[in-house]
Amino acid sequence: LAMTAVNLVKVRVTREAGDEYRDRDPRVLEREVARASQASPFATSGHKCIIALGLLAMHDQAAQTKVADFGALTVVAETLKLFGASKHMAKWCFWTVVNVIMNNAPNKRDFVEKGGIEFSLDAIKLHAMEPEVLQLGVGMMYTLLAPDAQTKMNLPDVRQSALKEGIVDVVQAAQVAYPERRDLCGSCDKILEVLISDFS
């Protein structure tokens, strides 16, 4: 259902645009799709579908793998890309990603390969004044970037990608804005420590 909603928005915007975007930068069309997505019914109630994916994968590595094999990480990545401006959508996407990738190295790699770093940080930046969303987003980013003996990806390269997408500014701003939120600030500290470790 989530993937269908995402694809319907893309098809509708592309059809309505006609030849308007044919010779223009593809990112122009992507921005128009993202804008149109906000008016979709999925933008207001689709987070329930995302929660269901997270519940299916919770606390069971076999379930994580099965859910990912059926495209859950693609759905979440695309949802963050198109609907990340929605507070509820961003919050539950971050929660679901943690449930699908926790202690599952192949799933971590797959989410990164689907643009997860970029889309997640874009969404986190949109919710700098929402501490609950920030806490889940920053916690999810630490899950991706943390040392992992079973890793299936080049973690220093992944961390470099996060640096390029502005993760340091995100976590430092969160620490300044919400010093009273110990869990959030703790996750921020852990991310900074991991990033620094690559240069020590």
C-alpha atoms as a PDB file:
ATOM      1  CA  LEU A   1       0.000   0.000   0.000  1.00  0.00           C
ATOM      2  CA  ALA A   2       2.805   2.401   0.884  1.00  0.00           C
ATOM      3  CA  MET A   3       4.704   1.709  -2.325  1.00  0.00           C
ATOM      4  CA  THR A   4       1.505   2.007  -4.351  1.00  0.00           C
ATOM      5  CA  ALA A   5       0.803   5.435  -2.847  1.00  0.00           C
ATOM      6  CA  VAL A   6       4.326   6.632  -3.615  1.00  0.00           C
ATOM      7  CA  ASN A   7       4.138   5.380  -7.199  1.00  0.00           C
ATOM      8  CA  LEU A   8       0.688   6.868  -7.800  1.00  0.00           C
ATOM      9  CA  VAL A   9       1.971  10.317  -6.850  1.00  0.00           C
ATOM     10  CA  LYS A  10       4.925   9.933  -9.226  1.00  0.00           C
ATOM     11  CA  VAL A  11       2.714   8.783 -12.083  1.00  0.00           C
ATOM     12  CA  ARG A  12       0.168  11.583 -11.575  1.00  0.00           C
ATOM     13  CA  VAL A  13       2.767  14.349 -11.423  1.00  0.00           C
ATOM     14  CA  THR A  14       4.671  12.995 -14.428  1.00  0.00           C
ATOM     15  CA  ARG A  15       1.468  12.677 -16.464  1.00  0.00           C
ATOM     16  CA  GLU A  16       0.273  16.180 -15.577  1.00  0.00           C
ATOM     17  CA  ALA A  17       3.668  17.679 -16.343  1.00  0.00           C
ATOM     18  CA  GLY A  18       3.666  16.288 -19.889  1.00  0.00           C
ATOM     19  CA  ASP A  19       6.790  17.493 -21.706  1.00  0.00           C
ATOM     20  CA  GLU A  20       7.475  20.292 -19.243  1.00  0.00           C
ATOM     21  CA  TYR A  21      10.303  18.463 -17.454  1.00  0.00           C
ATOM     22  CA  ARG A  22      11.679  16.448 -20.370  1.00  0.00           C
ATOM     23  CA  ASP A  23      14.831  18.524 -20.936  1.00  0.00           C
ATOM     24  CA  ARG A  24      15.230  19.849 -17.412  1.00  0.00           C
ATOM     25  CA  ASP A  25      17.241  18.635 -14.455  1.00  0.00           C
ATOM     26  CA  PRO A  26      15.535  15.474 -13.063  1.00  0.00           C
ATOM     27  CA  ARG A  27      15.734  17.026  -9.595  1.00  0.00           C
ATOM     28  CA  VAL A  28      13.159  19.615 -10.687  1.00  0.00           C
ATOM     29  CA  LEU A  29      10.643  16.834 -11.285  1.00  0.00           C
ATOM     30  CA  GLU A  30      11.619  15.173  -8.001  1.00  0.00           C
ATOM     31  CA  ARG A  31      10.893  18.404  -6.118  1.00  0.00           C
ATOM     32  CA  GLU A  32       7.510  18.689  -7.835  1.00  0.00           C
ATOM     33  CA  VAL A  33       6.682  15.094  -6.925  1.00  0.00           C
ATOM     34  CA  ALA A  34       7.657  15.761  -3.308  1.00  0.00           C
ATOM     35  CA  ARG A  35       5.479  18.903  -3.236  1.00  0.00           C
ATOM     36  CA  ALA A  36       2.493  17.085  -4.705  1.00  0.00           C
ATOM     37  CA  SER A  37       2.979  14.239  -2.249  1.00  0.00           C
ATOM     38  CA  GLN A  38       2.038  16.504   0.634  1.00  0.00           C
ATOM     39  CA  ALA A  39      -1.524  16.725  -0.729  1.00  0.00           C
ATOM     40  CA  SER A  40      -1.865  12.939  -0.974  1.00  0.00           C
ATOM     41  CA  PRO A  41      -4.068  11.123   1.589  1.00  0.00           C
ATOM     42  CA  PHE A  42      -1.024   8.963   2.291  1.00  0.00           C
ATOM     43  CA  ALA A  43       0.738  12.033   3.732  1.00  0.00           C
ATOM     44  CA  THR A  44      -1.734  12.232   6.613  1.00  0.00           C
ATOM     45  CA  SER A  45      -2.505   8.601   7.382  1.00  0.00           C
ATOM     46  CA  GLY A  46       0.159   6.511   5.629  1.00  0.00           C
ATOM     47  CA  HIS A  47       2.346   6.379   8.723  1.00  0.00           C
ATOM     48  CA  LYS A  48       0.087   3.562   9.941  1.00  0.00           C
ATOM     49  CA  CYS A  49       1.342   1.393   7.070  1.00  0.00           C
ATOM     50  CA  ILE A  50       4.915   2.248   8.043  1.00  0.00           C
ATOM     51  CA  ILE A  51       4.248   1.308  11.673  1.00  0.00           C
ATOM     52  CA  ALA A  52       2.921  -2.064  10.505  1.00  0.00           C
ATOM     53  CA  LEU A  53       6.215  -2.768   8.708  1.00  0.00           C
ATOM     54  CA  GLY A  54       8.152  -1.967  11.863  1.00  0.00           C
ATOM     55  CA  LEU A  55       5.937  -4.197  13.985  1.00  0.00           C
ATOM     56  CA  LEU A  56       6.371  -7.104  11.575  1.00  0.00           C
ATOM     57  CA  ALA A  57      10.163  -6.864  11.846  1.00  0.00           C
ATOM     58  CA  MET A  58      10.450  -6.191  15.573  1.00  0.00           C
ATOM     59  CA  HIS A  59      12.838  -8.330  17.672  1.00  0.00           C
ATOM     60  CA  ASP A  60      13.314 -11.105  15.108  1.00  0.00           C
ATOM     61  CA  GLN A  61      16.169 -11.264  12.614  1.00  0.00           C
ATOM     62  CA  ALA A  62      14.365 -13.738  10.363  1.00  0.00           C
ATOM     63  CA  ALA A  63      11.374 -11.401  10.262  1.00  0.00           C
ATOM     64  CA  GLN A  64      13.668  -8.442   9.532  1.00  0.00           C
ATOM     65  CA  THR A  65      15.126 -10.271   6.561  1.00  0.00           C
ATOM     66  CA  LYS A  66      11.732 -11.355   5.259  1.00  0.00           C
ATOM     67  CA  VAL A  67      10.243  -7.856   5.554  1.00  0.00           C
ATOM     68  CA  ALA A  68      13.299  -6.372   3.820  1.00  0.00           C
ATOM     69  CA  ASP A  69      13.114  -8.996   1.066  1.00  0.00           C
ATOM     70  CA  PHE A  70       9.551  -7.854   0.364  1.00  0.00           C
ATOM     71  CA  GLY A  71      10.754  -4.262  -0.125  1.00  0.00           C
ATOM     72  CA  ALA A  72      10.193  -2.627   3.264  1.00  0.00           C
ATOM     73  CA  LEU A  73      13.402  -0.606   3.111  1.00  0.00           C
ATOM     74  CA  THR A  74      12.588   0.652  -0.374  1.00  0.00           C
ATOM     75  CA  VAL A  75       9.175   1.743   0.868  1.00  0.00           C
ATOM     76  CA  VAL A  76      10.623   3.558   3.871  1.00  0.00           C
ATOM     77  CA  ALA A  77      13.385   5.244   1.851  1.00  0.00           C
ATOM     78  CA  GLU A  78      10.900   6.452  -0.780  1.00  0.00           C
ATOM     79  CA  THR A  79       8.465   7.554   1.926  1.00  0.00           C
ATOM     80  CA  LEU A  80      11.159   9.613   3.642  1.00  0.00           C
ATOM     81  CA  LYS A  81      12.064  11.137   0.300  1.00  0.00           C
ATOM     82  CA  LEU A  82       8.508  12.131  -0.648  1.00  0.00           C
ATOM     83  CA  PHE A  83       6.739  12.518   2.694  1.00  0.00           C
ATOM     84  CA  GLY A  84       9.590  13.380   5.059  1.00  0.00           C
ATOM     85  CA  ALA A  85       8.102  16.827   5.712  1.00  0.00           C
ATOM     86  CA  SER A  86       5.303  15.125   7.657  1.00  0.00           C
ATOM     87  CA  LYS A  87       6.206  14.905  11.336  1.00  0.00           C
ATOM     88  CA  HIS A  88       4.338  11.648  11.862  1.00  0.00           C
ATOM     89  CA  MET A  89       5.718  10.100   8.703  1.00  0.00           C
ATOM     90  CA  ALA A  90       9.322  10.960   9.549  1.00  0.00           C
ATOM     91  CA  LYS A  91       8.970   9.799  13.156  1.00  0.00           C
ATOM     92  CA  TRP A  92       7.538   6.392  12.269  1.00  0.00           C
ATOM     93  CA  CYS A  93       9.884   5.887   9.331  1.00  0.00           C
ATOM     94  CA  PHE A  94      12.852   6.307  11.673  1.00  0.00           C
ATOM     95  CA  TRP A  95      11.284   3.922  14.199  1.00  0.00           C
ATOM     96  CA  THR A  96      10.599   1.328  11.523  1.00  0.00           C
ATOM     97  CA  VAL A  97      14.097   1.532  10.048  1.00  0.00           C
ATOM     98  CA  VAL A  98      15.608   0.783  13.462  1.00  0.00           C
ATOM     99  CA  ASN A  99      13.350  -2.254  13.816  1.00  0.00           C
ATOM    100  CA  VAL A 100      14.320  -3.538  10.367  1.00  0.00           C
ATOM    101  CA  ILE A 101      18.092  -2.918  10.562  1.00  0.00           C
ATOM    102  CA  MET A 102      18.969  -3.459  14.234  1.00  0.00           C
ATOM    103  CA  ASN A 103      21.705  -6.126  14.434  1.00  0.00           C
ATOM    104  CA  ASN A 104      21.114  -6.938  10.766  1.00  0.00           C
ATOM    105  CA  ALA A 105      24.157  -5.973   8.691  1.00  0.00           C
ATOM    106  CA  PRO A 106      22.697  -6.796   5.244  1.00  0.00           C
ATOM    107  CA  ASN A 107      19.632  -4.664   5.949  1.00  0.00           C
ATOM    108  CA  LYS A 108      21.804  -1.743   7.073  1.00  0.00           C
ATOM    109  CA  ARG A 109      23.713  -1.946   3.818  1.00  0.00           C
ATOM    110  CA  ASP A 110      20.515  -2.141   1.769  1.00  0.00           C
ATOM    111  CA  PHE A 111      19.032   0.943   3.422  1.00  0.00           C
ATOM    112  CA  VAL A 112      22.198   2.941   2.778  1.00  0.00           C
ATOM    113  CA  GLU A 113      22.268   1.792  -0.865  1.00  0.00           C
ATOM    114  CA  LYS A 114      18.669   2.979  -1.302  1.00  0.00           C
ATOM    115  CA  GLY A 115      19.625   6.540  -0.323  1.00  0.00           C
ATOM    116  CA  GLY A 116      18.790   6.137   3.353  1.00  0.00           C
ATOM    117  CA  ILE A 117      21.513   8.475   4.619  1.00  0.00           C
ATOM    118  CA  GLU A 118      20.506  11.348   2.355  1.00  0.00           C
ATOM    119  CA  PHE A 119      16.737  10.971   2.744  1.00  0.00           C
ATOM    120  CA  SER A 120      16.954  10.500   6.516  1.00  0.00           C
ATOM    121  CA  LEU A 121      19.115  13.546   7.108  1.00  0.00           C
ATOM    122  CA  ASP A 122      16.931  15.647   4.819  1.00  0.00           C
ATOM    123  CA  ALA A 123      13.916  14.663   6.934  1.00  0.00           C
ATOM    124  CA  ILE A 124      15.736  15.214  10.235  1.00  0.00           C
ATOM    125  CA  LYS A 125      16.662  18.745   9.158  1.00  0.00           C
ATOM    126  CA  LEU A 126      12.999  19.519   8.478  1.00  0.00           C
ATOM    127  CA  HIS A 127      12.094  18.660  12.070  1.00  0.00           C
ATOM    128  CA  ALA A 128      14.746  20.493  14.057  1.00  0.00           C
ATOM    129  CA  MET A 129      12.016  21.876  16.344  1.00  0.00           C
ATOM    130  CA  GLU A 130      10.478  18.462  17.025  1.00  0.00           C
ATOM    131  CA  PRO A 131      12.600  16.775  19.717  1.00  0.00           C
ATOM    132  CA  GLU A 132      10.782  13.420  19.533  1.00  0.00           C
ATOM    133  CA  VAL A 133      11.375  13.189  15.786  1.00  0.00           C
ATOM    134  CA  LEU A 134      14.970  14.326  16.246  1.00  0.00           C
ATOM    135  CA  GLN A 135      15.600  11.710  18.914  1.00  0.00           C
ATOM    136  CA  LEU A 136      14.345   8.873  16.733  1.00  0.00           C
ATOM    137  CA  GLY A 137      16.173  10.189  13.661  1.00  0.00           C
ATOM    138  CA  VAL A 138      19.486  10.699  15.423  1.00  0.00           C
ATOM    139  CA  GLY A 139      19.172   7.322  17.155  1.00  0.00           C
ATOM    140  CA  MET A 140      18.544   5.662  13.802  1.00  0.00           C
ATOM    141  CA  MET A 141      21.581   7.382  12.297  1.00  0.00           C
ATOM    142  CA  TYR A 142      23.757   6.079  15.120  1.00  0.00           C
ATOM    143  CA  THR A 143      22.457   2.557  14.464  1.00  0.00           C
ATOM    144  CA  LEU A 144      23.662   2.927  10.862  1.00  0.00           C
ATOM    145  CA  LEU A 145      27.025   4.519  11.654  1.00  0.00           C
ATOM    146  CA  ALA A 146      28.038   2.601  14.781  1.00  0.00           C
ATOM    147  CA  PRO A 147      30.883   0.055  14.711  1.00  0.00           C
ATOM    148  CA  ASP A 148      29.605  -3.346  13.577  1.00  0.00           C
ATOM    149  CA  ALA A 149      31.812  -6.425  13.462  1.00  0.00           C
ATOM    150  CA  GLN A 150      29.383  -8.054  11.018  1.00  0.00           C
ATOM    151  CA  THR A 151      29.170  -5.065   8.674  1.00  0.00           C
ATOM    152  CA  LYS A 152      28.532  -5.665   4.980  1.00  0.00           C
ATOM    153  CA  MET A 153      29.554  -2.157   3.912  1.00  0.00           C
ATOM    154  CA  ASN A 154      32.502   0.212   4.119  1.00  0.00           C
ATOM    155  CA  LEU A 155      31.583   2.072   7.310  1.00  0.00           C
ATOM    156  CA  PRO A 156      34.151   4.880   6.889  1.00  0.00           C
ATOM    157  CA  ASP A 157      32.652   5.612   3.453  1.00  0.00           C
ATOM    158  CA  VAL A 158      29.142   5.585   4.902  1.00  0.00           C
ATOM    159  CA  ARG A 159      30.229   8.018   7.617  1.00  0.00           C
ATOM    160  CA  GLN A 160      31.798  10.247   4.979  1.00  0.00           C
ATOM    161  CA  SER A 161      28.454  10.307   3.185  1.00  0.00           C
ATOM    162  CA  ALA A 162      26.771  11.370   6.398  1.00  0.00           C
ATOM    163  CA  LEU A 163      29.367  14.115   6.867  1.00  0.00           C
ATOM    164  CA  LYS A 164      28.701  15.419   3.359  1.00  0.00           C
ATOM    165  CA  GLU A 165      24.962  15.486   4.119  1.00  0.00           C
ATOM    166  CA  GLY A 166      25.574  17.694   7.178  1.00  0.00           C
ATOM    167  CA  ILE A 167      25.217  15.305  10.091  1.00  0.00           C
ATOM    168  CA  VAL A 168      27.620  17.269  12.304  1.00  0.00           C
ATOM    169  CA  ASP A 169      25.524  20.416  12.014  1.00  0.00           C
ATOM    170  CA  VAL A 170      22.394  18.380  12.776  1.00  0.00           C
ATOM    171  CA  VAL A 171      23.692  16.784  15.970  1.00  0.00           C
ATOM    172  CA  GLN A 172      25.413  19.914  17.264  1.00  0.00           C
ATOM    173  CA  ALA A 173      22.249  21.974  16.742  1.00  0.00           C
ATOM    174  CA  ALA A 174      20.211  19.299  18.542  1.00  0.00           C
ATOM    175  CA  GLN A 175      22.560  19.374  21.527  1.00  0.00           C
ATOM    176  CA  VAL A 176      22.302  23.161  21.764  1.00  0.00           C
ATOM    177  CA  ALA A 177      18.523  23.205  21.355  1.00  0.00           C
ATOM    178  CA  TYR A 178      17.685  20.333  23.718  1.00  0.00           C
ATOM    179  CA  PRO A 179      20.381  19.961  26.408  1.00  0.00           C
ATOM    180  CA  GLU A 180      17.760  18.580  28.816  1.00  0.00           C
ATOM    181  CA  ARG A 181      17.010  15.554  26.609  1.00  0.00           C
ATOM    182  CA  ARG A 182      19.663  13.140  27.797  1.00  0.00           C
ATOM    183  CA  ASP A 183      18.860  10.323  25.361  1.00  0.00           C
ATOM    184  CA  LEU A 184      19.014  12.667  22.369  1.00  0.00           C
ATOM    185  CA  CYS A 185      22.249  14.301  23.504  1.00  0.00           C
ATOM    186  CA  GLY A 186      23.739  10.888  24.281  1.00  0.00           C
ATOM    187  CA  SER A 187      23.047   9.698  20.740  1.00  0.00           C
ATOM    188  CA  CYS A 188      24.554  12.928  19.384  1.00  0.00           C
ATOM    189  CA  ASP A 189      27.711  12.369  21.449  1.00  0.00           C
ATOM    190  CA  LYS A 190      28.001   8.790  20.198  1.00  0.00           C
ATOM    191  CA  ILE A 191      27.706   9.894  16.572  1.00  0.00           C
ATOM    192  CA  LEU A 192      30.411  12.539  17.028  1.00  0.00           C
ATOM    193  CA  GLU A 193      32.690   9.995  18.726  1.00  0.00           C
ATOM    194  CA  VAL A 194      32.246   7.529  15.858  1.00  0.00           C
ATOM    195  CA  LEU A 195      32.947  10.222  13.256  1.00  0.00           C
ATOM    196  CA  ILE A 196      36.074  11.379  15.096  1.00  0.00           C
ATOM    197  CA  SER A 197      37.319   7.790  15.431  1.00  0.00           C
ATOM    198  CA  ASP A 198      37.794   7.585  11.659  1.00  0.00           C
ATOM    199  CA  PHE A 199      40.413  10.331  11.872  1.00  0.00           C
ATOM    200  CA  SER A 200      42.286   9.144  14.961  1.00  0.00           C
END
